[in-house]
Amino acid sequence: MTEAVFRYIREHPDSFSMFLCGCSKAYLARPFYVHNYLEFCAKSLADELEARELVMTLSKTTVPAEMNTFGMGRRFEDCRYKGTDTEHDVIPY
């Protein structure tokens, strides 16, 4: 399934963009709106998850030009957010 989703997104870049993945889910949006979802992930998603007693780490380990998608997984070293591989405090979107 993962391969099919990535292939579709690659072959139809104007149809959908992935902005978040994790917990065996991929979250897609129309490219026109995807930046709104990325901004929500960067600024509000951790608070919203914790309000629902979900303790997760949101990660953005690369720059937007490579893969503009947040990852979500179990809490990592008590971090709400984990930034790029080179600058752990930087969350580019």
PDB file of N, CA and C in Angstrom:
ATOM      1  N   MET A   1       0.815  -1.185   0.000  1.00  0.00           N
ATOM      2  CA  MET A   1       0.000   0.000   0.000  1.00  0.00           C
ATOM      3  C   MET A   1       0.867   1.261   0.000  1.00  0.00           C
ATOM      4  N   THR A   2       1.911   1.253   0.812  1.00  0.00           N
ATOM      5  CA  THR A   2       2.794   2.424   0.881  1.00  0.00           C
ATOM      6  C   THR A   2       3.377   2.749  -0.481  1.00  0.00           C
ATOM      7  N   GLU A   3       3.858   1.736  -1.161  1.00  0.00           N
ATOM      8  CA  GLU A   3       4.438   1.961  -2.488  1.00  0.00           C
ATOM      9  C   GLU A   3       3.412   2.552  -3.438  1.00  0.00           C
ATOM     10  N   ALA A   4       2.185   2.070  -3.395  1.00  0.00           N
ATOM     11  CA  ALA A   4       1.134   2.575  -4.290  1.00  0.00           C
ATOM     12  C   ALA A   4       0.823   4.042  -4.006  1.00  0.00           C
ATOM     13  N   VAL A   5       0.779   4.419  -2.731  1.00  0.00           N
ATOM     14  CA  VAL A   5       0.505   5.817  -2.375  1.00  0.00           C
ATOM     15  C   VAL A   5       1.629   6.717  -2.868  1.00  0.00           C
ATOM     16  N   PHE A   6       2.871   6.329  -2.599  1.00  0.00           N
ATOM     17  CA  PHE A   6       3.994   7.147  -3.056  1.00  0.00           C
ATOM     18  C   PHE A   6       4.042   7.242  -4.575  1.00  0.00           C
ATOM     19  N   ARG A   7       3.750   6.165  -5.251  1.00  0.00           N
ATOM     20  CA  ARG A   7       3.735   6.186  -6.716  1.00  0.00           C
ATOM     21  C   ARG A   7       2.647   7.133  -7.227  1.00  0.00           C
ATOM     22  N   TYR A   8       1.456   7.054  -6.636  1.00  0.00           N
ATOM     23  CA  TYR A   8       0.368   7.927  -7.066  1.00  0.00           C
ATOM     24  C   TYR A   8       0.729   9.396  -6.856  1.00  0.00           C
ATOM     25  N   ILE A   9       1.251   9.716  -5.686  1.00  0.00           N
ATOM     26  CA  ILE A   9       1.628  11.106  -5.383  1.00  0.00           C
ATOM     27  C   ILE A   9       2.696  11.589  -6.357  1.00  0.00           C
ATOM     28  N   ARG A  10       3.668  10.749  -6.645  1.00  0.00           N
ATOM     29  CA  ARG A  10       4.736  11.117  -7.576  1.00  0.00           C
ATOM     30  C   ARG A  10       4.189  11.315  -8.992  1.00  0.00           C
ATOM     31  N   GLU A  11       3.306  10.440  -9.426  1.00  0.00           N
ATOM     32  CA  GLU A  11       2.782  10.506 -10.789  1.00  0.00           C
ATOM     33  C   GLU A  11       1.671  11.530 -10.972  1.00  0.00           C
ATOM     34  N   HIS A  12       1.045  11.978  -9.879  1.00  0.00           N
ATOM     35  CA  HIS A  12      -0.051  12.952  -9.929  1.00  0.00           C
ATOM     36  C   HIS A  12       0.207  14.074  -8.912  1.00  0.00           C
ATOM     37  N   PRO A  13       1.260  14.848  -9.089  1.00  0.00           N
ATOM     38  CA  PRO A  13       1.637  15.845  -8.078  1.00  0.00           C
ATOM     39  C   PRO A  13       0.599  16.951  -7.861  1.00  0.00           C
ATOM     40  N   ASP A  14      -0.304  17.135  -8.785  1.00  0.00           N
ATOM     41  CA  ASP A  14      -1.326  18.170  -8.616  1.00  0.00           C
ATOM     42  C   ASP A  14      -2.578  17.645  -7.925  1.00  0.00           C
ATOM     43  N   SER A  15      -2.617  16.361  -7.619  1.00  0.00           N
ATOM     44  CA  SER A  15      -3.804  15.770  -6.991  1.00  0.00           C
ATOM     45  C   SER A  15      -3.738  15.811  -5.468  1.00  0.00           C
ATOM     46  N   PHE A  16      -2.670  15.246  -4.891  1.00  0.00           N
ATOM     47  CA  PHE A  16      -2.538  15.173  -3.441  1.00  0.00           C
ATOM     48  C   PHE A  16      -1.089  15.327  -3.030  1.00  0.00           C
ATOM     49  N   SER A  17      -0.895  15.827  -1.804  1.00  0.00           N
ATOM     50  CA  SER A  17       0.417  15.892  -1.169  1.00  0.00           C
ATOM     51  C   SER A  17       0.281  15.282   0.221  1.00  0.00           C
ATOM     52  N   MET A  18       1.282  14.544   0.644  1.00  0.00           N
ATOM     53  CA  MET A  18       1.285  14.011   1.996  1.00  0.00           C
ATOM     54  C   MET A  18       1.901  15.065   2.920  1.00  0.00           C
ATOM     55  N   PHE A  19       1.227  15.348   4.034  1.00  0.00           N
ATOM     56  CA  PHE A  19       1.762  16.320   4.981  1.00  0.00           C
ATOM     57  C   PHE A  19       2.087  15.706   6.337  1.00  0.00           C
ATOM     58  N   LEU A  20       1.573  14.494   6.607  1.00  0.00           N
ATOM     59  CA  LEU A  20       1.812  13.844   7.889  1.00  0.00           C
ATOM     60  C   LEU A  20       1.708  12.339   7.697  1.00  0.00           C
ATOM     61  N   CYS A  21       2.602  11.603   8.356  1.00  0.00           N
ATOM     62  CA  CYS A  21       2.492  10.147   8.343  1.00  0.00           C
ATOM     63  C   CYS A  21       2.911   9.620   9.709  1.00  0.00           C
ATOM     64  N   GLY A  22       2.339   8.514  10.078  1.00  0.00           N
ATOM     65  CA  GLY A  22       2.678   7.885  11.341  1.00  0.00           C
ATOM     66  C   GLY A  22       1.536   7.035  11.833  1.00  0.00           C
ATOM     67  N   CYS A  23       1.829   6.123  12.733  1.00  0.00           N
ATOM     68  CA  CYS A  23       0.816   5.243  13.322  1.00  0.00           C
ATOM     69  C   CYS A  23       0.056   4.489  12.236  1.00  0.00           C
ATOM     70  N   SER A  24       0.787   4.051  11.216  1.00  0.00           N
ATOM     71  CA  SER A  24       0.228   3.301  10.080  1.00  0.00           C
ATOM     72  C   SER A  24      -0.806   4.093   9.287  1.00  0.00           C
ATOM     73  N   LYS A  25      -0.655   5.413   9.261  1.00  0.00           N
ATOM     74  CA  LYS A  25      -1.567   6.274   8.517  1.00  0.00           C
ATOM     75  C   LYS A  25      -0.767   7.276   7.694  1.00  0.00           C
ATOM     76  N   ALA A  26      -1.352   7.693   6.581  1.00  0.00           N
ATOM     77  CA  ALA A  26      -0.798   8.788   5.776  1.00  0.00           C
ATOM     78  C   ALA A  26      -1.902   9.821   5.641  1.00  0.00           C
ATOM     79  N   TYR A  27      -1.563  11.069   5.843  1.00  0.00           N
ATOM     80  CA  TYR A  27      -2.536  12.157   5.777  1.00  0.00           C
ATOM     81  C   TYR A  27      -2.229  12.988   4.537  1.00  0.00           C
ATOM     82  N   LEU A  28      -3.202  13.068   3.657  1.00  0.00           N
ATOM     83  CA  LEU A  28      -3.048  13.731   2.370  1.00  0.00           C
ATOM     84  C   LEU A  28      -3.965  14.940   2.284  1.00  0.00           C
ATOM     85  N   ALA A  29      -3.540  15.909   1.481  1.00  0.00           N
ATOM     86  CA  ALA A  29      -4.364  17.087   1.229  1.00  0.00           C
ATOM     87  C   ALA A  29      -4.126  17.546  -0.200  1.00  0.00           C
ATOM     88  N   ARG A  30      -5.044  18.318  -0.699  1.00  0.00           N
ATOM     89  CA  ARG A  30      -4.846  18.934  -1.998  1.00  0.00           C
ATOM     90  C   ARG A  30      -3.673  19.904  -1.889  1.00  0.00           C
ATOM     91  N   PRO A  31      -2.811  19.955  -2.892  1.00  0.00           N
ATOM     92  CA  PRO A  31      -1.626  20.819  -2.825  1.00  0.00           C
ATOM     93  C   PRO A  31      -1.930  22.280  -2.497  1.00  0.00           C
ATOM     94  N   PHE A  32      -3.058  22.790  -2.940  1.00  0.00           N
ATOM     95  CA  PHE A  32      -3.416  24.180  -2.670  1.00  0.00           C
ATOM     96  C   PHE A  32      -3.547  24.454  -1.170  1.00  0.00           C
ATOM     97  N   TYR A  33      -3.973  23.442  -0.393  1.00  0.00           N
ATOM     98  CA  TYR A  33      -4.219  23.612   1.036  1.00  0.00           C
ATOM     99  C   TYR A  33      -3.134  23.028   1.930  1.00  0.00           C
ATOM    100  N   VAL A  34      -2.197  22.305   1.362  1.00  0.00           N
ATOM    101  CA  VAL A  34      -1.272  21.529   2.189  1.00  0.00           C
ATOM    102  C   VAL A  34      -0.451  22.403   3.138  1.00  0.00           C
ATOM    103  N   HIS A  35      -0.107  23.618   2.748  1.00  0.00           N
ATOM    104  CA  HIS A  35       0.685  24.456   3.655  1.00  0.00           C
ATOM    105  C   HIS A  35      -0.103  24.792   4.925  1.00  0.00           C
ATOM    106  N   ASN A  36      -1.411  24.932   4.821  1.00  0.00           N
ATOM    107  CA  ASN A  36      -2.231  25.173   6.016  1.00  0.00           C
ATOM    108  C   ASN A  36      -2.113  24.002   6.991  1.00  0.00           C
ATOM    109  N   TYR A  37      -2.131  22.794   6.470  1.00  0.00           N
ATOM    110  CA  TYR A  37      -2.002  21.613   7.320  1.00  0.00           C
ATOM    111  C   TYR A  37      -0.596  21.495   7.907  1.00  0.00           C
ATOM    112  N   LEU A  38       0.411  21.806   7.112  1.00  0.00           N
ATOM    113  CA  LEU A  38       1.786  21.784   7.621  1.00  0.00           C
ATOM    114  C   LEU A  38       1.954  22.796   8.748  1.00  0.00           C
ATOM    115  N   GLU A  39       1.393  23.975   8.580  1.00  0.00           N
ATOM    116  CA  GLU A  39       1.477  24.993   9.628  1.00  0.00           C
ATOM    117  C   GLU A  39       0.767  24.516  10.905  1.00  0.00           C
ATOM    118  N   PHE A  40      -0.388  23.899  10.747  1.00  0.00           N
ATOM    119  CA  PHE A  40      -1.093  23.348  11.907  1.00  0.00           C
ATOM    120  C   PHE A  40      -0.229  22.302  12.611  1.00  0.00           C
ATOM    121  N   CYS A  41       0.384  21.417  11.845  1.00  0.00           N
ATOM    122  CA  CYS A  41       1.260  20.400  12.445  1.00  0.00           C
ATOM    123  C   CYS A  41       2.403  21.051  13.215  1.00  0.00           C
ATOM    124  N   ALA A  42       2.996  22.077  12.634  1.00  0.00           N
ATOM    125  CA  ALA A  42       4.149  22.742  13.254  1.00  0.00           C
ATOM    126  C   ALA A  42       3.770  23.534  14.502  1.00  0.00           C
ATOM    127  N   LYS A  43       2.596  24.126  14.506  1.00  0.00           N
ATOM    128  CA  LYS A  43       2.245  25.053  15.584  1.00  0.00           C
ATOM    129  C   LYS A  43       1.242  24.512  16.596  1.00  0.00           C
ATOM    130  N   SER A  44       0.399  23.572  16.218  1.00  0.00           N
ATOM    131  CA  SER A  44      -0.717  23.202  17.093  1.00  0.00           C
ATOM    132  C   SER A  44      -0.916  21.712  17.340  1.00  0.00           C
ATOM    133  N   LEU A  45      -0.424  20.864  16.466  1.00  0.00           N
ATOM    134  CA  LEU A  45      -0.770  19.448  16.571  1.00  0.00           C
ATOM    135  C   LEU A  45      -0.306  18.818  17.881  1.00  0.00           C
ATOM    136  N   ALA A  46       0.884  19.148  18.350  1.00  0.00           N
ATOM    137  CA  ALA A  46       1.365  18.557  19.612  1.00  0.00           C
ATOM    138  C   ALA A  46       0.418  18.898  20.761  1.00  0.00           C
ATOM    139  N   ASP A  47      -0.034  20.144  20.838  1.00  0.00           N
ATOM    140  CA  ASP A  47      -0.989  20.541  21.889  1.00  0.00           C
ATOM    141  C   ASP A  47      -2.302  19.778  21.754  1.00  0.00           C
ATOM    142  N   GLU A  48      -2.788  19.650  20.529  1.00  0.00           N
ATOM    143  CA  GLU A  48      -4.051  18.948  20.292  1.00  0.00           C
ATOM    144  C   GLU A  48      -3.945  17.469  20.666  1.00  0.00           C
ATOM    145  N   LEU A  49      -2.829  16.839  20.345  1.00  0.00           N
ATOM    146  CA  LEU A  49      -2.641  15.438  20.710  1.00  0.00           C
ATOM    147  C   LEU A  49      -2.581  15.269  22.226  1.00  0.00           C
ATOM    148  N   GLU A  50      -1.818  16.136  22.893  1.00  0.00           N
ATOM    149  CA  GLU A  50      -1.678  16.029  24.341  1.00  0.00           C
ATOM    150  C   GLU A  50      -2.989  16.314  25.055  1.00  0.00           C
ATOM    151  N   ALA A  51      -3.826  17.190  24.498  1.00  0.00           N
ATOM    152  CA  ALA A  51      -5.146  17.452  25.073  1.00  0.00           C
ATOM    153  C   ALA A  51      -6.013  16.191  25.042  1.00  0.00           C
ATOM    154  N   ARG A  52      -5.682  15.282  24.147  1.00  0.00           N
ATOM    155  CA  ARG A  52      -6.398  14.020  24.022  1.00  0.00           C
ATOM    156  C   ARG A  52      -5.604  12.855  24.642  1.00  0.00           C
ATOM    157  N   GLU A  53      -4.612  13.232  25.469  1.00  0.00           N
ATOM    158  CA  GLU A  53      -3.772  12.281  26.194  1.00  0.00           C
ATOM    159  C   GLU A  53      -2.972  11.360  25.275  1.00  0.00           C
ATOM    160  N   LEU A  54      -2.579  11.871  24.120  1.00  0.00           N
ATOM    161  CA  LEU A  54      -1.703  11.156  23.200  1.00  0.00           C
ATOM    162  C   LEU A  54      -0.327  11.802  23.265  1.00  0.00           C
ATOM    163  N   VAL A  55       0.638  11.083  23.781  1.00  0.00           N
ATOM    164  CA  VAL A  55       1.988  11.605  23.965  1.00  0.00           C
ATOM    165  C   VAL A  55       2.835  11.128  22.788  1.00  0.00           C
ATOM    166  N   MET A  56       3.088  12.015  21.848  1.00  0.00           N
ATOM    167  CA  MET A  56       3.782  11.673  20.618  1.00  0.00           C
ATOM    168  C   MET A  56       4.944  12.646  20.391  1.00  0.00           C
ATOM    169  N   THR A  57       5.822  12.284  19.477  1.00  0.00           N
ATOM    170  CA  THR A  57       6.832  13.207  18.965  1.00  0.00           C
ATOM    171  C   THR A  57       6.522  13.428  17.496  1.00  0.00           C
ATOM    172  N   LEU A  58       6.486  14.695  17.116  1.00  0.00           N
ATOM    173  CA  LEU A  58       6.348  15.067  15.714  1.00  0.00           C
ATOM    174  C   LEU A  58       7.730  15.389  15.203  1.00  0.00           C
ATOM    175  N   SER A  59       8.071  14.854  14.054  1.00  0.00           N
ATOM    176  CA  SER A  59       9.419  15.074  13.542  1.00  0.00           C
ATOM    177  C   SER A  59       9.373  15.614  12.122  1.00  0.00           C
ATOM    178  N   LYS A  60      10.364  16.396  11.826  1.00  0.00           N
ATOM    179  CA  LYS A  60      10.559  16.964  10.488  1.00  0.00           C
ATOM    180  C   LYS A  60      12.056  16.902  10.263  1.00  0.00           C
ATOM    181  N   THR A  61      12.533  15.772   9.764  1.00  0.00           N
ATOM    182  CA  THR A  61      13.964  15.501   9.760  1.00  0.00           C
ATOM    183  C   THR A  61      14.684  15.925   8.495  1.00  0.00           C
ATOM    184  N   THR A  62      13.979  16.564   7.580  1.00  0.00           N
ATOM    185  CA  THR A  62      14.620  17.029   6.362  1.00  0.00           C
ATOM    186  C   THR A  62      13.979  18.342   5.920  1.00  0.00           C
ATOM    187  N   VAL A  63      14.575  18.976   4.978  1.00  0.00           N
ATOM    188  CA  VAL A  63      14.065  20.265   4.496  1.00  0.00           C
ATOM    189  C   VAL A  63      12.877  20.047   3.560  1.00  0.00           C
ATOM    190  N   PRO A  64      11.983  21.038   3.440  1.00  0.00           N
ATOM    191  CA  PRO A  64      10.791  20.879   2.607  1.00  0.00           C
ATOM    192  C   PRO A  64      11.066  20.468   1.163  1.00  0.00           C
ATOM    193  N   ALA A  65      12.173  20.904   0.582  1.00  0.00           N
ATOM    194  CA  ALA A  65      12.458  20.562  -0.818  1.00  0.00           C
ATOM    195  C   ALA A  65      12.660  19.062  -1.006  1.00  0.00           C
ATOM    196  N   GLU A  66      13.088  18.361   0.037  1.00  0.00           N
ATOM    197  CA  GLU A  66      13.312  16.919  -0.072  1.00  0.00           C
ATOM    198  C   GLU A  66      12.023  16.129   0.180  1.00  0.00           C
ATOM    199  N   MET A  67      11.349  16.431   1.279  1.00  0.00           N
ATOM    200  CA  MET A  67      10.113  15.726   1.628  1.00  0.00           C
ATOM    201  C   MET A  67       9.378  16.579   2.636  1.00  0.00           C
ATOM    202  N   ASN A  68       8.339  17.244   2.218  1.00  0.00           N
ATOM    203  CA  ASN A  68       7.653  18.182   3.102  1.00  0.00           C
ATOM    204  C   ASN A  68       6.531  17.469   3.852  1.00  0.00           C
ATOM    205  N   THR A  69       6.930  16.530   4.712  1.00  0.00           N
ATOM    206  CA  THR A  69       5.991  15.714   5.467  1.00  0.00           C
ATOM    207  C   THR A  69       6.455  15.600   6.908  1.00  0.00           C
ATOM    208  N   PHE A  70       5.531  15.767   7.845  1.00  0.00           N
ATOM    209  CA  PHE A  70       5.822  15.513   9.245  1.00  0.00           C
ATOM    210  C   PHE A  70       5.676  14.023   9.519  1.00  0.00           C
ATOM    211  N   GLY A  71       6.494  13.531  10.429  1.00  0.00           N
ATOM    212  CA  GLY A  71       6.350  12.173  10.917  1.00  0.00           C
ATOM    213  C   GLY A  71       5.808  12.223  12.333  1.00  0.00           C
ATOM    214  N   MET A  72       5.068  11.210  12.726  1.00  0.00           N
ATOM    215  CA  MET A  72       4.489  11.173  14.058  1.00  0.00           C
ATOM    216  C   MET A  72       4.712   9.776  14.623  1.00  0.00           C
ATOM    217  N   GLY A  73       5.229   9.722  15.846  1.00  0.00           N
ATOM    218  CA  GLY A  73       5.478   8.431  16.471  1.00  0.00           C
ATOM    219  C   GLY A  73       5.527   8.545  17.979  1.00  0.00           C
ATOM    220  N   ARG A  74       5.855   7.454  18.606  1.00  0.00           N
ATOM    221  CA  ARG A  74       5.962   7.458  20.067  1.00  0.00           C
ATOM    222  C   ARG A  74       6.925   8.530  20.531  1.00  0.00           C
ATOM    223  N   ARG A  75       6.723   9.004  21.756  1.00  0.00           N
ATOM    224  CA  ARG A  75       7.555  10.074  22.313  1.00  0.00           C
ATOM    225  C   ARG A  75       9.009   9.649  22.283  1.00  0.00           C
ATOM    226  N   PHE A  76       9.880  10.529  21.767  1.00  0.00           N
ATOM    227  CA  PHE A  76      11.311  10.292  21.640  1.00  0.00           C
ATOM    228  C   PHE A  76      12.044  11.228  22.576  1.00  0.00           C
ATOM    229  N   GLU A  77      12.732  10.673  23.557  1.00  0.00           N
ATOM    230  CA  GLU A  77      13.553  11.442  24.491  1.00  0.00           C
ATOM    231  C   GLU A  77      12.829  12.663  25.039  1.00  0.00           C
ATOM    232  N   ASP A  78      11.570  12.513  25.374  1.00  0.00           N
ATOM    233  CA  ASP A  78      10.747  13.570  25.961  1.00  0.00           C
ATOM    234  C   ASP A  78      10.638  14.814  25.078  1.00  0.00           C
ATOM    235  N   CYS A  79      10.751  14.635  23.763  1.00  0.00           N
ATOM    236  CA  CYS A  79      10.640  15.752  22.809  1.00  0.00           C
ATOM    237  C   CYS A  79       9.252  15.760  22.180  1.00  0.00           C
ATOM    238  N   ARG A  80       8.618  16.917  22.206  1.00  0.00           N
ATOM    239  CA  ARG A  80       7.351  17.070  21.482  1.00  0.00           C
ATOM    240  C   ARG A  80       7.626  17.132  19.980  1.00  0.00           C
ATOM    241  N   TYR A  81       8.718  17.816  19.628  1.00  0.00           N
ATOM    242  CA  TYR A  81       9.122  17.980  18.236  1.00  0.00           C
ATOM    243  C   TYR A  81      10.580  17.589  18.095  1.00  0.00           C
ATOM    244  N   LYS A  82      10.914  16.986  16.968  1.00  0.00           N
ATOM    245  CA  LYS A  82      12.310  16.701  16.631  1.00  0.00           C
ATOM    246  C   LYS A  82      12.538  17.274  15.247  1.00  0.00           C
ATOM    247  N   GLY A  83      13.510  18.163  15.156  1.00  0.00           N
ATOM    248  CA  GLY A  83      13.778  18.858  13.902  1.00  0.00           C
ATOM    249  C   GLY A  83      14.686  18.095  12.971  1.00  0.00           C
ATOM    250  N   THR A  84      15.309  18.837  12.095  1.00  0.00           N
ATOM    251  CA  THR A  84      16.131  18.228  11.049  1.00  0.00           C
ATOM    252  C   THR A  84      17.297  17.451  11.640  1.00  0.00           C
ATOM    253  N   ASP A  85      17.849  16.569  10.843  1.00  0.00           N
ATOM    254  CA  ASP A  85      18.969  15.751  11.304  1.00  0.00           C
ATOM    255  C   ASP A  85      20.174  16.602  11.679  1.00  0.00           C
ATOM    256  N   THR A  86      20.320  17.762  11.058  1.00  0.00           N
ATOM    257  CA  THR A  86      21.474  18.617  11.342  1.00  0.00           C
ATOM    258  C   THR A  86      21.176  19.676  12.393  1.00  0.00           C
ATOM    259  N   GLU A  87      19.911  20.090  12.532  1.00  0.00           N
ATOM    260  CA  GLU A  87      19.523  21.101  13.527  1.00  0.00           C
ATOM    261  C   GLU A  87      18.241  20.632  14.210  1.00  0.00           C
ATOM    262  N   HIS A  88      18.385  19.962  15.344  1.00  0.00           N
ATOM    263  CA  HIS A  88      17.262  19.301  16.012  1.00  0.00           C
ATOM    264  C   HIS A  88      16.158  20.250  16.466  1.00  0.00           C
ATOM    265  N   ASP A  89      16.446  21.529  16.617  1.00  0.00           N
ATOM    266  CA  ASP A  89      15.444  22.491  17.051  1.00  0.00           C
ATOM    267  C   ASP A  89      14.744  23.198  15.904  1.00  0.00           C
ATOM    268  N   VAL A  90      15.127  22.906  14.673  1.00  0.00           N
ATOM    269  CA  VAL A  90      14.563  23.565  13.497  1.00  0.00           C
ATOM    270  C   VAL A  90      13.452  22.688  12.917  1.00  0.00           C
ATOM    271  N   ILE A  91      12.260  23.271  12.776  1.00  0.00           N
ATOM    272  CA  ILE A  91      11.114  22.552  12.225  1.00  0.00           C
ATOM    273  C   ILE A  91      10.676  23.286  10.952  1.00  0.00           C
ATOM    274  N   PRO A  92      11.324  23.006   9.824  1.00  0.00           N
ATOM    275  CA  PRO A  92      10.966  23.725   8.587  1.00  0.00           C
ATOM    276  C   PRO A  92       9.698  23.165   7.960  1.00  0.00           C
ATOM    277  N   TYR A  93       8.910  24.057   7.429  1.00  0.00           N
ATOM    278  CA  TYR A  93       7.733  23.623   6.683  1.00  0.00           C
ATOM    279  C   TYR A  93       7.440  24.645   5.647  1.00  0.00           C
TER     280      TYR A  93
END
